[in-house]
Amino acid sequence: MELKDVVLQTLNELENAVDERGYQDIGINANAGEAEFLHALKERLFVLFEGIKPSSDDDEIIEIQTNDRVKLNMICNFLQFQLALIDARLELIEGSNK
């Protein structure tokens, strides 16, 4: 099994495990200022995600070693997942404050 396959399998296992537990834990009451903190964190993570996301245009792709590309994809997947968790928490917080 290649490194890429191992990494993808691990990411899928982690994502499924967190989906089952993470969204249950997300119902905890919000602390004062949590929404403001999450909005700022979401904005910073999104900028980082957009900055390092590999381009889909083959002409613009810089030659990257296979291992580096796998690492970059793993980072992008992590950032995308964290952004989804933050969005879910913000929806819960802002929905309960209305």
PDB file of N, CA and C in Angstrom:
ATOM      1  N   MET A   1       0.841  -1.171   0.000  1.00  0.00           N
ATOM      2  CA  MET A   1       0.000   0.000   0.000  1.00  0.00           C
ATOM      3  C   MET A   1       0.892   1.241   0.000  1.00  0.00           C
ATOM      4  N   GLU A   2       0.586   2.198  -0.840  1.00  0.00           N
ATOM      5  CA  GLU A   2       1.380   3.412  -0.952  1.00  0.00           C
ATOM      6  C   GLU A   2       1.077   4.361   0.200  1.00  0.00           C
ATOM      7  N   LEU A   3       1.979   5.308   0.413  1.00  0.00           N
ATOM      8  CA  LEU A   3       1.808   6.310   1.460  1.00  0.00           C
ATOM      9  C   LEU A   3       0.502   7.070   1.268  1.00  0.00           C
ATOM     10  N   LYS A   4       0.208   7.408   0.023  1.00  0.00           N
ATOM     11  CA  LYS A   4      -1.016   8.154  -0.270  1.00  0.00           C
ATOM     12  C   LYS A   4      -2.244   7.368   0.173  1.00  0.00           C
ATOM     13  N   ASP A   5      -2.273   6.077  -0.110  1.00  0.00           N
ATOM     14  CA  ASP A   5      -3.408   5.236   0.271  1.00  0.00           C
ATOM     15  C   ASP A   5      -3.556   5.162   1.784  1.00  0.00           C
ATOM     16  N   VAL A   6      -2.427   5.038   2.481  1.00  0.00           N
ATOM     17  CA  VAL A   6      -2.453   4.971   3.941  1.00  0.00           C
ATOM     18  C   VAL A   6      -2.990   6.276   4.522  1.00  0.00           C
ATOM     19  N   VAL A   7      -2.506   7.400   4.002  1.00  0.00           N
ATOM     20  CA  VAL A   7      -2.950   8.704   4.484  1.00  0.00           C
ATOM     21  C   VAL A   7      -4.435   8.894   4.222  1.00  0.00           C
ATOM     22  N   LEU A   8      -4.891   8.561   3.022  1.00  0.00           N
ATOM     23  CA  LEU A   8      -6.309   8.712   2.696  1.00  0.00           C
ATOM     24  C   LEU A   8      -7.181   7.816   3.565  1.00  0.00           C
ATOM     25  N   GLN A   9      -6.741   6.598   3.809  1.00  0.00           N
ATOM     26  CA  GLN A   9      -7.496   5.684   4.664  1.00  0.00           C
ATOM     27  C   GLN A   9      -7.577   6.239   6.086  1.00  0.00           C
ATOM     28  N   THR A  10      -6.457   6.752   6.596  1.00  0.00           N
ATOM     29  CA  THR A  10      -6.435   7.324   7.938  1.00  0.00           C
ATOM     30  C   THR A  10      -7.344   8.536   8.028  1.00  0.00           C
ATOM     31  N   LEU A  11      -7.301   9.405   7.021  1.00  0.00           N
ATOM     32  CA  LEU A  11      -8.175  10.579   7.011  1.00  0.00           C
ATOM     33  C   LEU A  11      -9.641  10.178   7.007  1.00  0.00           C
ATOM     34  N   ASN A  12      -9.996   9.181   6.212  1.00  0.00           N
ATOM     35  CA  ASN A  12     -11.379   8.714   6.173  1.00  0.00           C
ATOM     36  C   ASN A  12     -11.816   8.156   7.521  1.00  0.00           C
ATOM     37  N   GLU A  13     -10.934   7.388   8.172  1.00  0.00           N
ATOM     38  CA  GLU A  13     -11.255   6.839   9.487  1.00  0.00           C
ATOM     39  C   GLU A  13     -11.436   7.950  10.511  1.00  0.00           C
ATOM     40  N   LEU A  14     -10.532   8.932  10.498  1.00  0.00           N
ATOM     41  CA  LEU A  14     -10.639  10.052  11.430  1.00  0.00           C
ATOM     42  C   LEU A  14     -11.896  10.866  11.177  1.00  0.00           C
ATOM     43  N   GLU A  15     -12.191  11.124   9.929  1.00  0.00           N
ATOM     44  CA  GLU A  15     -13.372  11.914   9.589  1.00  0.00           C
ATOM     45  C   GLU A  15     -14.638  11.214  10.055  1.00  0.00           C
ATOM     46  N   ASN A  16     -14.729   9.914   9.836  1.00  0.00           N
ATOM     47  CA  ASN A  16     -15.908   9.164  10.265  1.00  0.00           C
ATOM     48  C   ASN A  16     -16.011   9.126  11.783  1.00  0.00           C
ATOM     49  N   ALA A  17     -14.877   8.970  12.473  1.00  0.00           N
ATOM     50  CA  ALA A  17     -14.888   8.935  13.932  1.00  0.00           C
ATOM     51  C   ALA A  17     -15.314  10.279  14.502  1.00  0.00           C
ATOM     52  N   VAL A  18     -14.812  11.361  13.937  1.00  0.00           N
ATOM     53  CA  VAL A  18     -15.154  12.685  14.436  1.00  0.00           C
ATOM     54  C   VAL A  18     -16.594  13.028  14.096  1.00  0.00           C
ATOM     55  N   ASP A  19     -17.076  12.607  12.935  1.00  0.00           N
ATOM     56  CA  ASP A  19     -18.469  12.859  12.583  1.00  0.00           C
ATOM     57  C   ASP A  19     -19.403  12.255  13.622  1.00  0.00           C
ATOM     58  N   GLU A  20     -19.071  11.050  14.080  1.00  0.00           N
ATOM     59  CA  GLU A  20     -19.928  10.376  15.040  1.00  0.00           C
ATOM     60  C   GLU A  20     -19.862  11.028  16.413  1.00  0.00           C
ATOM     61  N   ARG A  21     -18.684  11.512  16.821  1.00  0.00           N
ATOM     62  CA  ARG A  21     -18.519  12.091  18.148  1.00  0.00           C
ATOM     63  C   ARG A  21     -18.573  13.606  18.133  1.00  0.00           C
ATOM     64  N   GLY A  22     -17.934  14.214  17.138  1.00  0.00           N
ATOM     65  CA  GLY A  22     -17.759  15.661  17.128  1.00  0.00           C
ATOM     66  C   GLY A  22     -19.054  16.439  17.107  1.00  0.00           C
ATOM     67  N   TYR A  23     -20.007  16.010  16.321  1.00  0.00           N
ATOM     68  CA  TYR A  23     -21.252  16.748  16.225  1.00  0.00           C
ATOM     69  C   TYR A  23     -22.130  16.538  17.447  1.00  0.00           C
ATOM     70  N   GLN A  24     -21.887  15.477  18.214  1.00  0.00           N
ATOM     71  CA  GLN A  24     -22.603  15.321  19.473  1.00  0.00           C
ATOM     72  C   GLN A  24     -22.039  16.293  20.502  1.00  0.00           C
ATOM     73  N   ASP A  25     -20.719  16.457  20.534  1.00  0.00           N
ATOM     74  CA  ASP A  25     -20.068  17.351  21.489  1.00  0.00           C
ATOM     75  C   ASP A  25     -20.314  18.816  21.166  1.00  0.00           C
ATOM     76  N   ILE A  26     -20.756  19.098  19.973  1.00  0.00           N
ATOM     77  CA  ILE A  26     -20.887  20.480  19.529  1.00  0.00           C
ATOM     78  C   ILE A  26     -22.073  21.186  20.188  1.00  0.00           C
ATOM     79  N   GLY A  27     -22.930  20.445  20.862  1.00  0.00           N
ATOM     80  CA  GLY A  27     -24.103  21.028  21.504  1.00  0.00           C
ATOM     81  C   GLY A  27     -23.820  21.683  22.843  1.00  0.00           C
ATOM     82  N   ILE A  28     -22.582  21.700  23.298  1.00  0.00           N
ATOM     83  CA  ILE A  28     -22.225  22.307  24.576  1.00  0.00           C
ATOM     84  C   ILE A  28     -22.510  23.806  24.512  1.00  0.00           C
ATOM     85  N   ASN A  29     -22.979  24.377  25.620  1.00  0.00           N
ATOM     86  CA  ASN A  29     -23.334  25.799  25.655  1.00  0.00           C
ATOM     87  C   ASN A  29     -22.138  26.683  25.313  1.00  0.00           C
ATOM     88  N   ALA A  30     -22.429  27.788  24.664  1.00  0.00           N
ATOM     89  CA  ALA A  30     -21.385  28.716  24.230  1.00  0.00           C
ATOM     90  C   ALA A  30     -20.943  29.603  25.383  1.00  0.00           C
ATOM     91  N   ASN A  31     -19.643  29.849  25.462  1.00  0.00           N
ATOM     92  CA  ASN A  31     -19.106  30.818  26.405  1.00  0.00           C
ATOM     93  C   ASN A  31     -19.225  32.199  25.792  1.00  0.00           C
ATOM     94  N   ALA A  32     -19.147  33.230  26.629  1.00  0.00           N
ATOM     95  CA  ALA A  32     -19.188  34.600  26.128  1.00  0.00           C
ATOM     96  C   ALA A  32     -17.986  34.831  25.223  1.00  0.00           C
ATOM     97  N   GLY A  33     -18.224  35.368  24.048  1.00  0.00           N
ATOM     98  CA  GLY A  33     -17.155  35.674  23.111  1.00  0.00           C
ATOM     99  C   GLY A  33     -16.757  34.515  22.215  1.00  0.00           C
ATOM    100  N   GLU A  34     -17.363  33.348  22.416  1.00  0.00           N
ATOM    101  CA  GLU A  34     -16.986  32.189  21.601  1.00  0.00           C
ATOM    102  C   GLU A  34     -17.316  32.405  20.130  1.00  0.00           C
ATOM    103  N   ALA A  35     -18.477  32.984  19.851  1.00  0.00           N
ATOM    104  CA  ALA A  35     -18.867  33.216  18.455  1.00  0.00           C
ATOM    105  C   ALA A  35     -17.883  34.164  17.776  1.00  0.00           C
ATOM    106  N   GLU A  36     -17.495  35.216  18.476  1.00  0.00           N
ATOM    107  CA  GLU A  36     -16.534  36.174  17.908  1.00  0.00           C
ATOM    108  C   GLU A  36     -15.194  35.490  17.628  1.00  0.00           C
ATOM    109  N   PHE A  37     -14.738  34.670  18.567  1.00  0.00           N
ATOM    110  CA  PHE A  37     -13.489  33.928  18.390  1.00  0.00           C
ATOM    111  C   PHE A  37     -13.582  32.985  17.196  1.00  0.00           C
ATOM    112  N   LEU A  38     -14.700  32.262  17.091  1.00  0.00           N
ATOM    113  CA  LEU A  38     -14.862  31.305  16.005  1.00  0.00           C
ATOM    114  C   LEU A  38     -14.936  31.993  14.647  1.00  0.00           C
ATOM    115  N   HIS A  39     -15.588  33.156  14.589  1.00  0.00           N
ATOM    116  CA  HIS A  39     -15.636  33.899  13.322  1.00  0.00           C
ATOM    117  C   HIS A  39     -14.224  34.304  12.886  1.00  0.00           C
ATOM    118  N   ALA A  40     -13.420  34.797  13.833  1.00  0.00           N
ATOM    119  CA  ALA A  40     -12.048  35.206  13.508  1.00  0.00           C
ATOM    120  C   ALA A  40     -11.210  33.999  13.087  1.00  0.00           C
ATOM    121  N   LEU A  41     -11.350  32.889  13.808  1.00  0.00           N
ATOM    122  CA  LEU A  41     -10.608  31.675  13.472  1.00  0.00           C
ATOM    123  C   LEU A  41     -11.023  31.145  12.109  1.00  0.00           C
ATOM    124  N   LYS A  42     -12.318  31.150  11.850  1.00  0.00           N
ATOM    125  CA  LYS A  42     -12.833  30.683  10.557  1.00  0.00           C
ATOM    126  C   LYS A  42     -12.243  31.509   9.417  1.00  0.00           C
ATOM    127  N   GLU A  43     -12.210  32.813   9.598  1.00  0.00           N
ATOM    128  CA  GLU A  43     -11.676  33.694   8.556  1.00  0.00           C
ATOM    129  C   GLU A  43     -10.202  33.398   8.290  1.00  0.00           C
ATOM    130  N   ARG A  44      -9.423  33.233   9.338  1.00  0.00           N
ATOM    131  CA  ARG A  44      -7.989  32.956   9.180  1.00  0.00           C
ATOM    132  C   ARG A  44      -7.742  31.593   8.537  1.00  0.00           C
ATOM    133  N   LEU A  45      -8.489  30.581   8.978  1.00  0.00           N
ATOM    134  CA  LEU A  45      -8.335  29.247   8.392  1.00  0.00           C
ATOM    135  C   LEU A  45      -8.736  29.238   6.927  1.00  0.00           C
ATOM    136  N   PHE A  46      -9.792  29.970   6.592  1.00  0.00           N
ATOM    137  CA  PHE A  46     -10.245  30.013   5.207  1.00  0.00           C
ATOM    138  C   PHE A  46      -9.197  30.668   4.309  1.00  0.00           C
ATOM    139  N   VAL A  47      -8.582  31.748   4.784  1.00  0.00           N
ATOM    140  CA  VAL A  47      -7.522  32.412   4.015  1.00  0.00           C
ATOM    141  C   VAL A  47      -6.344  31.454   3.820  1.00  0.00           C
ATOM    142  N   LEU A  48      -5.968  30.744   4.875  1.00  0.00           N
ATOM    143  CA  LEU A  48      -4.881  29.766   4.776  1.00  0.00           C
ATOM    144  C   LEU A  48      -5.246  28.652   3.807  1.00  0.00           C
ATOM    145  N   PHE A  49      -6.473  28.145   3.902  1.00  0.00           N
ATOM    146  CA  PHE A  49      -6.954  27.080   3.025  1.00  0.00           C
ATOM    147  C   PHE A  49      -6.898  27.516   1.570  1.00  0.00           C
ATOM    148  N   GLU A  50      -7.405  28.694   1.262  1.00  0.00           N
ATOM    149  CA  GLU A  50      -7.404  29.192  -0.112  1.00  0.00           C
ATOM    150  C   GLU A  50      -5.983  29.432  -0.616  1.00  0.00           C
ATOM    151  N   GLY A  51      -5.084  29.830   0.280  1.00  0.00           N
ATOM    152  CA  GLY A  51      -3.709  30.108  -0.121  1.00  0.00           C
ATOM    153  C   GLY A  51      -2.899  28.874  -0.461  1.00  0.00           C
ATOM    154  N   ILE A  52      -3.173  27.757   0.215  1.00  0.00           N
ATOM    155  CA  ILE A  52      -2.354  26.563  -0.025  1.00  0.00           C
ATOM    156  C   ILE A  52      -3.068  25.502  -0.839  1.00  0.00           C
ATOM    157  N   LYS A  53      -4.331  25.707  -1.138  1.00  0.00           N
ATOM    158  CA  LYS A  53      -5.091  24.718  -1.910  1.00  0.00           C
ATOM    159  C   LYS A  53      -4.440  24.540  -3.276  1.00  0.00           C
ATOM    160  N   PRO A  54      -4.157  23.291  -3.658  1.00  0.00           N
ATOM    161  CA  PRO A  54      -3.540  23.072  -4.974  1.00  0.00           C
ATOM    162  C   PRO A  54      -4.470  23.528  -6.096  1.00  0.00           C
ATOM    163  N   SER A  55      -3.896  24.124  -7.100  1.00  0.00           N
ATOM    164  CA  SER A  55      -4.672  24.581  -8.249  1.00  0.00           C
ATOM    165  C   SER A  55      -5.131  23.389  -9.064  1.00  0.00           C
ATOM    166  N   SER A  56      -6.314  23.496  -9.648  1.00  0.00           N
ATOM    167  CA  SER A  56      -6.810  22.400 -10.487  1.00  0.00           C
ATOM    168  C   SER A  56      -6.318  22.539 -11.924  1.00  0.00           C
ATOM    169  N   ASP A  57      -5.742  23.683 -12.256  1.00  0.00           N
ATOM    170  CA  ASP A  57      -5.235  23.934 -13.602  1.00  0.00           C
ATOM    171  C   ASP A  57      -3.819  23.371 -13.713  1.00  0.00           C
ATOM    172  N   ASP A  58      -3.645  22.352 -14.549  1.00  0.00           N
ATOM    173  CA  ASP A  58      -2.348  21.686 -14.675  1.00  0.00           C
ATOM    174  C   ASP A  58      -1.240  22.631 -15.124  1.00  0.00           C
ATOM    175  N   ASP A  59      -1.569  23.666 -15.888  1.00  0.00           N
ATOM    176  CA  ASP A  59      -0.548  24.601 -16.354  1.00  0.00           C
ATOM    177  C   ASP A  59       0.015  25.431 -15.208  1.00  0.00           C
ATOM    178  N   GLU A  60      -0.774  25.638 -14.168  1.00  0.00           N
ATOM    179  CA  GLU A  60      -0.344  26.488 -13.067  1.00  0.00           C
ATOM    180  C   GLU A  60       0.282  25.708 -11.919  1.00  0.00           C
ATOM    181  N   ILE A  61       0.197  24.391 -11.967  1.00  0.00           N
ATOM    182  CA  ILE A  61       0.716  23.586 -10.862  1.00  0.00           C
ATOM    183  C   ILE A  61       2.236  23.594 -10.890  1.00  0.00           C
ATOM    184  N   ILE A  62       2.806  23.962  -9.769  1.00  0.00           N
ATOM    185  CA  ILE A  62       4.260  23.925  -9.612  1.00  0.00           C
ATOM    186  C   ILE A  62       4.637  22.483  -9.313  1.00  0.00           C
ATOM    187  N   GLU A  63       5.767  22.045  -9.870  1.00  0.00           N
ATOM    188  CA  GLU A  63       6.180  20.670  -9.623  1.00  0.00           C
ATOM    189  C   GLU A  63       6.445  20.481  -8.141  1.00  0.00           C
ATOM    190  N   ILE A  64       5.729  19.543  -7.577  1.00  0.00           N
ATOM    191  CA  ILE A  64       5.863  19.237  -6.160  1.00  0.00           C
ATOM    192  C   ILE A  64       6.156  17.747  -6.039  1.00  0.00           C
ATOM    193  N   GLN A  65       7.053  17.407  -5.154  1.00  0.00           N
ATOM    194  CA  GLN A  65       7.343  15.998  -4.910  1.00  0.00           C
ATOM    195  C   GLN A  65       6.062  15.300  -4.478  1.00  0.00           C
ATOM    196  N   THR A  66       5.945  14.027  -4.765  1.00  0.00           N
ATOM    197  CA  THR A  66       4.733  13.266  -4.438  1.00  0.00           C
ATOM    198  C   THR A  66       4.415  13.347  -2.953  1.00  0.00           C
ATOM    199  N   ASN A  67       5.405  13.183  -2.101  1.00  0.00           N
ATOM    200  CA  ASN A  67       5.165  13.247  -0.656  1.00  0.00           C
ATOM    201  C   ASN A  67       4.680  14.624  -0.235  1.00  0.00           C
ATOM    202  N   ASP A  68       5.245  15.670  -0.830  1.00  0.00           N
ATOM    203  CA  ASP A  68       4.821  17.025  -0.505  1.00  0.00           C
ATOM    204  C   ASP A  68       3.387  17.266  -0.948  1.00  0.00           C
ATOM    205  N   ARG A  69       3.018  16.734  -2.088  1.00  0.00           N
ATOM    206  CA  ARG A  69       1.648  16.885  -2.579  1.00  0.00           C
ATOM    207  C   ARG A  69       0.664  16.174  -1.647  1.00  0.00           C
ATOM    208  N   VAL A  70       1.039  14.986  -1.173  1.00  0.00           N
ATOM    209  CA  VAL A  70       0.186  14.243  -0.238  1.00  0.00           C
ATOM    210  C   VAL A  70       0.028  15.033   1.058  1.00  0.00           C
ATOM    211  N   LYS A  71       1.135  15.587   1.554  1.00  0.00           N
ATOM    212  CA  LYS A  71       1.077  16.392   2.777  1.00  0.00           C
ATOM    213  C   LYS A  71       0.202  17.619   2.579  1.00  0.00           C
ATOM    214  N   LEU A  72       0.340  18.279   1.445  1.00  0.00           N
ATOM    215  CA  LEU A  72      -0.456  19.463   1.155  1.00  0.00           C
ATOM    216  C   LEU A  72      -1.938  19.117   1.080  1.00  0.00           C
ATOM    217  N   ASN A  73      -2.267  18.011   0.427  1.00  0.00           N
ATOM    218  CA  ASN A  73      -3.664  17.577   0.359  1.00  0.00           C
ATOM    219  C   ASN A  73      -4.201  17.223   1.738  1.00  0.00           C
ATOM    220  N   MET A  74      -3.367  16.611   2.571  1.00  0.00           N
ATOM    221  CA  MET A  74      -3.781  16.265   3.921  1.00  0.00           C
ATOM    222  C   MET A  74      -4.070  17.537   4.729  1.00  0.00           C
ATOM    223  N   ILE A  75      -3.225  18.551   4.593  1.00  0.00           N
ATOM    224  CA  ILE A  75      -3.439  19.824   5.280  1.00  0.00           C
ATOM    225  C   ILE A  75      -4.723  20.478   4.791  1.00  0.00           C
ATOM    226  N   CYS A  76      -4.944  20.473   3.491  1.00  0.00           N
ATOM    227  CA  CYS A  76      -6.171  21.062   2.930  1.00  0.00           C
ATOM    228  C   CYS A  76      -7.411  20.331   3.433  1.00  0.00           C
ATOM    229  N   ASN A  77      -7.355  19.012   3.483  1.00  0.00           N
ATOM    230  CA  ASN A  77      -8.489  18.241   3.998  1.00  0.00           C
ATOM    231  C   ASN A  77      -8.755  18.563   5.464  1.00  0.00           C
ATOM    232  N   PHE A  78      -7.683  18.698   6.249  1.00  0.00           N
ATOM    233  CA  PHE A  78      -7.832  19.047   7.658  1.00  0.00           C
ATOM    234  C   PHE A  78      -8.463  20.427   7.812  1.00  0.00           C
ATOM    235  N   LEU A  79      -7.959  21.401   7.060  1.00  0.00           N
ATOM    236  CA  LEU A  79      -8.507  22.755   7.144  1.00  0.00           C
ATOM    237  C   LEU A  79      -9.971  22.787   6.727  1.00  0.00           C
ATOM    238  N   GLN A  80     -10.303  22.071   5.676  1.00  0.00           N
ATOM    239  CA  GLN A  80     -11.688  22.023   5.210  1.00  0.00           C
ATOM    240  C   GLN A  80     -12.592  21.411   6.285  1.00  0.00           C
ATOM    241  N   PHE A  81     -12.127  20.368   6.937  1.00  0.00           N
ATOM    242  CA  PHE A  81     -12.904  19.732   7.992  1.00  0.00           C
ATOM    243  C   PHE A  81     -13.074  20.668   9.186  1.00  0.00           C
ATOM    244  N   GLN A  82     -11.993  21.359   9.577  1.00  0.00           N
ATOM    245  CA  GLN A  82     -12.079  22.293  10.698  1.00  0.00           C
ATOM    246  C   GLN A  82     -13.047  23.434  10.391  1.00  0.00           C
ATOM    247  N   LEU A  83     -13.020  23.927   9.157  1.00  0.00           N
ATOM    248  CA  LEU A  83     -13.959  24.978   8.765  1.00  0.00           C
ATOM    249  C   LEU A  83     -15.398  24.486   8.862  1.00  0.00           C
ATOM    250  N   ALA A  84     -15.643  23.245   8.495  1.00  0.00           N
ATOM    251  CA  ALA A  84     -16.996  22.685   8.596  1.00  0.00           C
ATOM    252  C   ALA A  84     -17.433  22.573  10.055  1.00  0.00           C
ATOM    253  N   LEU A  85     -16.528  22.164  10.943  1.00  0.00           N
ATOM    254  CA  LEU A  85     -16.857  22.092  12.368  1.00  0.00           C
ATOM    255  C   LEU A  85     -17.170  23.473  12.934  1.00  0.00           C
ATOM    256  N   ILE A  86     -16.380  24.462  12.543  1.00  0.00           N
ATOM    257  CA  ILE A  86     -16.609  25.830  13.015  1.00  0.00           C
ATOM    258  C   ILE A  86     -17.954  26.335  12.519  1.00  0.00           C
ATOM    259  N   ASP A  87     -18.268  26.093  11.248  1.00  0.00           N
ATOM    260  CA  ASP A  87     -19.571  26.504  10.707  1.00  0.00           C
ATOM    261  C   ASP A  87     -20.720  25.874  11.487  1.00  0.00           C
ATOM    262  N   ALA A  88     -20.603  24.594  11.780  1.00  0.00           N
ATOM    263  CA  ALA A  88     -21.660  23.897  12.522  1.00  0.00           C
ATOM    264  C   ALA A  88     -21.822  24.486  13.919  1.00  0.00           C
ATOM    265  N   ARG A  89     -20.709  24.767  14.580  1.00  0.00           N
ATOM    266  CA  ARG A  89     -20.772  25.349  15.934  1.00  0.00           C
ATOM    267  C   ARG A  89     -21.367  26.750  15.881  1.00  0.00           C
ATOM    268  N   LEU A  90     -20.962  27.557  14.911  1.00  0.00           N
ATOM    269  CA  LEU A  90     -21.500  28.915  14.788  1.00  0.00           C
ATOM    270  C   LEU A  90     -23.000  28.896  14.522  1.00  0.00           C
ATOM    271  N   GLU A  91     -23.461  27.983  13.681  1.00  0.00           N
ATOM    272  CA  GLU A  91     -24.899  27.877  13.416  1.00  0.00           C
ATOM    273  C   GLU A  91     -25.654  27.546  14.695  1.00  0.00           C
ATOM    274  N   LEU A  92     -25.086  26.655  15.500  1.00  0.00           N
ATOM    275  CA  LEU A  92     -25.716  26.275  16.757  1.00  0.00           C
ATOM    276  C   LEU A  92     -25.749  27.449  17.729  1.00  0.00           C
ATOM    277  N   ILE A  93     -24.628  28.154  17.861  1.00  0.00           N
ATOM    278  CA  ILE A  93     -24.544  29.293  18.775  1.00  0.00           C
ATOM    279  C   ILE A  93     -25.487  30.402  18.335  1.00  0.00           C
ATOM    280  N   GLU A  94     -25.402  30.768  17.072  1.00  0.00           N
ATOM    281  CA  GLU A  94     -26.206  31.885  16.579  1.00  0.00           C
ATOM    282  C   GLU A  94     -27.685  31.527  16.520  1.00  0.00           C
ATOM    283  N   GLY A  95     -27.994  30.258  16.331  1.00  0.00           N
ATOM    284  CA  GLY A  95     -29.388  29.825  16.336  1.00  0.00           C
ATOM    285  C   GLY A  95     -29.994  29.872  17.728  1.00  0.00           C
ATOM    286  N   SER A  96     -29.191  29.571  18.763  1.00  0.00           N
ATOM    287  CA  SER A  96     -29.699  29.584  20.138  1.00  0.00           C
ATOM    288  C   SER A  96     -29.755  30.989  20.713  1.00  0.00           C
ATOM    289  N   ASN A  97     -29.019  31.932  20.127  1.00  0.00           N
ATOM    290  CA  ASN A  97     -29.021  33.314  20.612  1.00  0.00           C
ATOM    291  C   ASN A  97     -30.159  34.137  20.046  1.00  0.00           C
ATOM    292  N   LYS A  98     -30.903  33.592  19.088  1.00  0.00           N
ATOM    293  CA  LYS A  98     -31.980  34.364  18.461  1.00  0.00           C
ATOM    294  C   LYS A  98     -33.263  34.220  19.220  1.00  0.00           C
TER     295      LYS A  98
END
